Amino acid sequence: MGTLLNQKERDYLQLDEEVINQRIISLKSIASKHKISLENVLKLMSTMEQERANNLYVANGDIKDEQLAGFGELFIKYAESVKFI
């Protein structure tokens, strides 16, 4: 339960013109270096982004599982300490 009650504000990592310009330069360089079209570089990036999103989804599930396990342990301790009528 490491993140409960100690959550930092989310950073949405906004893009600005400079970041976009640098990305365009980088993508053109990759296309040239590997002698492939810019379109194929963009398709590869899209595929990689889907993979990244899937990995984030799994990691988020792992965090929730850990937190639920912590709640379960707390509930068991509470149930053991209370006598039910």
N, C-alpha and C. Protein backbone atom coordinates (compact mmCIF):
# COMPACT_ATOMS: atom_id res chain seq x y z
N MET A 1 0.82 -1.19 0.00
CA MET A 1 0.00 0.00 0.00
C MET A 1 0.87 1.26 0.00
N GLY A 2 1.98 1.22 -0.66
CA GLY A 2 2.94 2.29 -0.61
C GLY A 2 2.45 3.64 -1.10
N THR A 3 1.49 3.68 -2.03
CA THR A 3 1.08 4.97 -2.58
C THR A 3 -0.12 5.57 -1.85
N LEU A 4 -0.80 4.80 -1.05
CA LEU A 4 -1.98 5.34 -0.38
C LEU A 4 -1.60 6.47 0.55
N LEU A 5 -2.42 7.51 0.52
CA LEU A 5 -2.27 8.68 1.38
C LEU A 5 -1.00 9.48 1.12
N ASN A 6 -0.23 9.09 0.10
CA ASN A 6 1.01 9.80 -0.20
C ASN A 6 1.14 9.93 -1.72
N GLN A 7 0.09 10.41 -2.35
CA GLN A 7 0.07 10.45 -3.81
C GLN A 7 0.49 11.84 -4.29
N LYS A 8 1.44 11.86 -5.18
CA LYS A 8 1.89 13.11 -5.77
C LYS A 8 0.91 13.53 -6.87
N GLU A 9 0.88 14.83 -7.14
CA GLU A 9 0.05 15.32 -8.22
C GLU A 9 0.57 14.76 -9.53
N ARG A 10 -0.34 14.40 -10.42
CA ARG A 10 0.06 13.83 -11.70
C ARG A 10 0.68 14.91 -12.60
N ASP A 11 1.71 14.49 -13.35
CA ASP A 11 2.36 15.38 -14.30
C ASP A 11 1.90 14.96 -15.69
N TYR A 12 1.15 15.82 -16.35
CA TYR A 12 0.58 15.48 -17.64
C TYR A 12 1.56 15.65 -18.80
N LEU A 13 2.75 16.15 -18.54
CA LEU A 13 3.80 16.26 -19.55
C LEU A 13 3.30 16.91 -20.83
N GLN A 14 2.85 18.13 -20.70
CA GLN A 14 2.33 18.88 -21.84
C GLN A 14 3.42 19.09 -22.89
N LEU A 15 3.00 19.09 -24.15
CA LEU A 15 3.92 19.31 -25.26
C LEU A 15 3.88 20.78 -25.66
N ASP A 16 5.02 21.28 -26.09
CA ASP A 16 5.06 22.64 -26.64
C ASP A 16 5.72 22.57 -28.02
N GLU A 17 5.80 23.70 -28.68
CA GLU A 17 6.32 23.74 -30.05
C GLU A 17 7.75 23.21 -30.13
N GLU A 18 8.58 23.54 -29.16
CA GLU A 18 9.97 23.09 -29.18
C GLU A 18 10.07 21.57 -29.10
N VAL A 19 9.26 20.97 -28.25
CA VAL A 19 9.27 19.51 -28.13
C VAL A 19 8.83 18.87 -29.44
N ILE A 20 7.80 19.44 -30.05
CA ILE A 20 7.31 18.92 -31.33
C ILE A 20 8.37 19.05 -32.42
N ASN A 21 9.02 20.20 -32.48
CA ASN A 21 10.07 20.40 -33.48
C ASN A 21 11.21 19.40 -33.30
N GLN A 22 11.62 19.20 -32.07
CA GLN A 22 12.69 18.24 -31.80
C GLN A 22 12.27 16.82 -32.19
N ARG A 23 11.01 16.49 -31.96
CA ARG A 23 10.52 15.15 -32.32
C ARG A 23 10.54 14.98 -33.82
N ILE A 24 10.14 15.99 -34.57
CA ILE A 24 10.16 15.91 -36.04
C ILE A 24 11.58 15.69 -36.54
N ILE A 25 12.52 16.45 -36.01
CA ILE A 25 13.93 16.29 -36.40
C ILE A 25 14.41 14.88 -36.09
N SER A 26 14.05 14.38 -34.92
CA SER A 26 14.47 13.04 -34.51
C SER A 26 13.88 11.97 -35.42
N LEU A 27 12.59 12.09 -35.73
CA LEU A 27 11.95 11.09 -36.58
C LEU A 27 12.52 11.09 -38.00
N LYS A 28 12.78 12.27 -38.53
CA LYS A 28 13.40 12.35 -39.86
C LYS A 28 14.79 11.73 -39.85
N SER A 29 15.52 11.92 -38.77
CA SER A 29 16.86 11.34 -38.65
C SER A 29 16.79 9.81 -38.61
N ILE A 30 15.84 9.29 -37.88
CA ILE A 30 15.67 7.83 -37.79
C ILE A 30 15.32 7.27 -39.17
N ALA A 31 14.40 7.94 -39.87
CA ALA A 31 14.01 7.47 -41.21
C ALA A 31 15.21 7.46 -42.15
N SER A 32 16.00 8.51 -42.10
CA SER A 32 17.17 8.60 -42.97
C SER A 32 18.22 7.56 -42.61
N LYS A 33 18.49 7.43 -41.34
CA LYS A 33 19.51 6.48 -40.87
C LYS A 33 19.20 5.06 -41.28
N HIS A 34 17.92 4.68 -41.20
CA HIS A 34 17.52 3.30 -41.49
C HIS A 34 16.97 3.13 -42.90
N LYS A 35 17.01 4.23 -43.66
CA LYS A 35 16.55 4.20 -45.06
C LYS A 35 15.13 3.65 -45.18
N ILE A 36 14.25 4.18 -44.33
CA ILE A 36 12.84 3.83 -44.39
C ILE A 36 12.04 5.13 -44.44
N SER A 37 10.78 5.01 -44.81
CA SER A 37 9.96 6.21 -44.93
C SER A 37 9.57 6.74 -43.55
N LEU A 38 9.30 8.01 -43.52
CA LEU A 38 8.82 8.64 -42.29
C LEU A 38 7.50 7.98 -41.87
N GLU A 39 6.68 7.60 -42.83
CA GLU A 39 5.41 6.92 -42.53
C GLU A 39 5.66 5.62 -41.76
N ASN A 40 6.68 4.85 -42.18
CA ASN A 40 6.98 3.60 -41.47
C ASN A 40 7.52 3.86 -40.07
N VAL A 41 8.27 4.93 -39.91
CA VAL A 41 8.76 5.29 -38.57
C VAL A 41 7.56 5.61 -37.68
N LEU A 42 6.60 6.36 -38.21
CA LEU A 42 5.41 6.71 -37.44
C LEU A 42 4.58 5.47 -37.10
N LYS A 43 4.48 4.53 -38.03
CA LYS A 43 3.75 3.28 -37.75
C LYS A 43 4.44 2.51 -36.64
N LEU A 44 5.77 2.45 -36.69
CA LEU A 44 6.53 1.77 -35.64
C LEU A 44 6.31 2.45 -34.29
N MET A 45 6.34 3.78 -34.29
CA MET A 45 6.11 4.50 -33.03
C MET A 45 4.72 4.22 -32.49
N SER A 46 3.75 4.16 -33.37
CA SER A 46 2.38 3.87 -32.94
C SER A 46 2.29 2.47 -32.31
N THR A 47 2.94 1.52 -32.95
CA THR A 47 2.97 0.16 -32.41
C THR A 47 3.65 0.13 -31.04
N MET A 48 4.76 0.84 -30.94
CA MET A 48 5.49 0.89 -29.67
C MET A 48 4.65 1.58 -28.58
N GLU A 49 3.89 2.59 -28.96
CA GLU A 49 3.03 3.28 -28.00
C GLU A 49 1.92 2.35 -27.50
N GLN A 50 1.39 1.53 -28.38
CA GLN A 50 0.39 0.55 -27.96
C GLN A 50 0.99 -0.44 -26.97
N GLU A 51 2.20 -0.88 -27.24
CA GLU A 51 2.89 -1.80 -26.33
C GLU A 51 3.13 -1.12 -24.97
N ARG A 52 3.54 0.14 -25.01
CA ARG A 52 3.77 0.90 -23.77
C ARG A 52 2.47 1.02 -22.97
N ALA A 53 1.37 1.32 -23.67
CA ALA A 53 0.07 1.46 -23.00
C ALA A 53 -0.34 0.14 -22.35
N ASN A 54 -0.11 -0.96 -23.04
CA ASN A 54 -0.43 -2.28 -22.48
C ASN A 54 0.41 -2.54 -21.23
N ASN A 55 1.69 -2.21 -21.28
CA ASN A 55 2.56 -2.42 -20.13
C ASN A 55 2.14 -1.55 -18.95
N LEU A 56 1.72 -0.32 -19.22
CA LEU A 56 1.24 0.56 -18.15
C LEU A 56 -0.04 0.01 -17.54
N TYR A 57 -0.91 -0.55 -18.38
CA TYR A 57 -2.15 -1.14 -17.89
C TYR A 57 -1.86 -2.30 -16.94
N VAL A 58 -0.91 -3.14 -17.31
CA VAL A 58 -0.53 -4.28 -16.46
C VAL A 58 0.10 -3.77 -15.16
N ALA A 59 0.99 -2.79 -15.26
CA ALA A 59 1.63 -2.26 -14.05
C ALA A 59 0.60 -1.64 -13.11
N ASN A 60 -0.38 -0.94 -13.67
CA ASN A 60 -1.44 -0.35 -12.86
C ASN A 60 -2.24 -1.45 -12.16
N GLY A 61 -2.50 -2.54 -12.86
CA GLY A 61 -3.20 -3.67 -12.25
C GLY A 61 -2.39 -4.28 -11.11
N ASP A 62 -1.07 -4.36 -11.29
CA ASP A 62 -0.21 -4.89 -10.23
C ASP A 62 -0.28 -4.01 -8.98
N ILE A 63 -0.31 -2.70 -9.19
CA ILE A 63 -0.39 -1.76 -8.07
C ILE A 63 -1.72 -1.94 -7.34
N LYS A 64 -2.80 -2.05 -8.10
CA LYS A 64 -4.12 -2.24 -7.48
C LYS A 64 -4.16 -3.56 -6.71
N ASP A 65 -3.59 -4.62 -7.29
CA ASP A 65 -3.55 -5.91 -6.60
C ASP A 65 -2.83 -5.80 -5.27
N GLU A 66 -1.69 -5.08 -5.27
CA GLU A 66 -0.92 -4.90 -4.05
C GLU A 66 -1.73 -4.13 -3.01
N GLN A 67 -2.42 -3.09 -3.45
CA GLN A 67 -3.21 -2.30 -2.52
C GLN A 67 -4.38 -3.10 -1.98
N LEU A 68 -5.04 -3.87 -2.84
CA LEU A 68 -6.16 -4.70 -2.37
C LEU A 68 -5.69 -5.77 -1.39
N ALA A 69 -4.51 -6.32 -1.63
CA ALA A 69 -3.96 -7.30 -0.69
C ALA A 69 -3.73 -6.63 0.66
N GLY A 70 -3.24 -5.41 0.66
CA GLY A 70 -3.03 -4.67 1.90
C GLY A 70 -4.34 -4.42 2.63
N PHE A 71 -5.38 -4.04 1.88
CA PHE A 71 -6.70 -3.87 2.50
C PHE A 71 -7.20 -5.19 3.07
N GLY A 72 -6.97 -6.27 2.33
CA GLY A 72 -7.39 -7.59 2.81
C GLY A 72 -6.72 -7.96 4.12
N GLU A 73 -5.42 -7.69 4.21
CA GLU A 73 -4.69 -7.97 5.45
C GLU A 73 -5.23 -7.14 6.61
N LEU A 74 -5.52 -5.86 6.35
CA LEU A 74 -6.09 -5.00 7.38
C LEU A 74 -7.47 -5.50 7.81
N PHE A 75 -8.27 -5.91 6.86
CA PHE A 75 -9.60 -6.41 7.16
C PHE A 75 -9.53 -7.68 8.01
N ILE A 76 -8.63 -8.57 7.65
CA ILE A 76 -8.47 -9.82 8.43
C ILE A 76 -8.06 -9.49 9.87
N LYS A 77 -7.10 -8.58 10.03
CA LYS A 77 -6.67 -8.19 11.38
C LYS A 77 -7.84 -7.58 12.16
N TYR A 78 -8.62 -6.74 11.50
CA TYR A 78 -9.76 -6.13 12.16
C TYR A 78 -10.78 -7.20 12.54
N ALA A 79 -11.08 -8.10 11.63
CA ALA A 79 -12.08 -9.14 11.89
C ALA A 79 -11.63 -10.05 13.03
N GLU A 80 -10.34 -10.31 13.12
CA GLU A 80 -9.82 -11.15 14.20
C GLU A 80 -9.88 -10.43 15.54
N SER A 81 -9.84 -9.11 15.52
CA SER A 81 -9.81 -8.36 16.79
C SER A 81 -11.22 -8.03 17.29
N VAL A 82 -12.23 -8.22 16.46
CA VAL A 82 -13.61 -7.89 16.86
C VAL A 82 -14.38 -9.18 17.03
N LYS A 83 -15.13 -9.26 18.12
CA LYS A 83 -16.00 -10.42 18.33
C LYS A 83 -17.35 -10.10 17.75
N PHE A 84 -17.78 -10.92 16.82
CA PHE A 84 -19.08 -10.70 16.20
C PHE A 84 -20.16 -11.37 17.05
N ILE A 85 -21.29 -10.71 17.18
CA ILE A 85 -22.39 -11.25 18.00
C ILE A 85 -23.18 -12.23 17.19
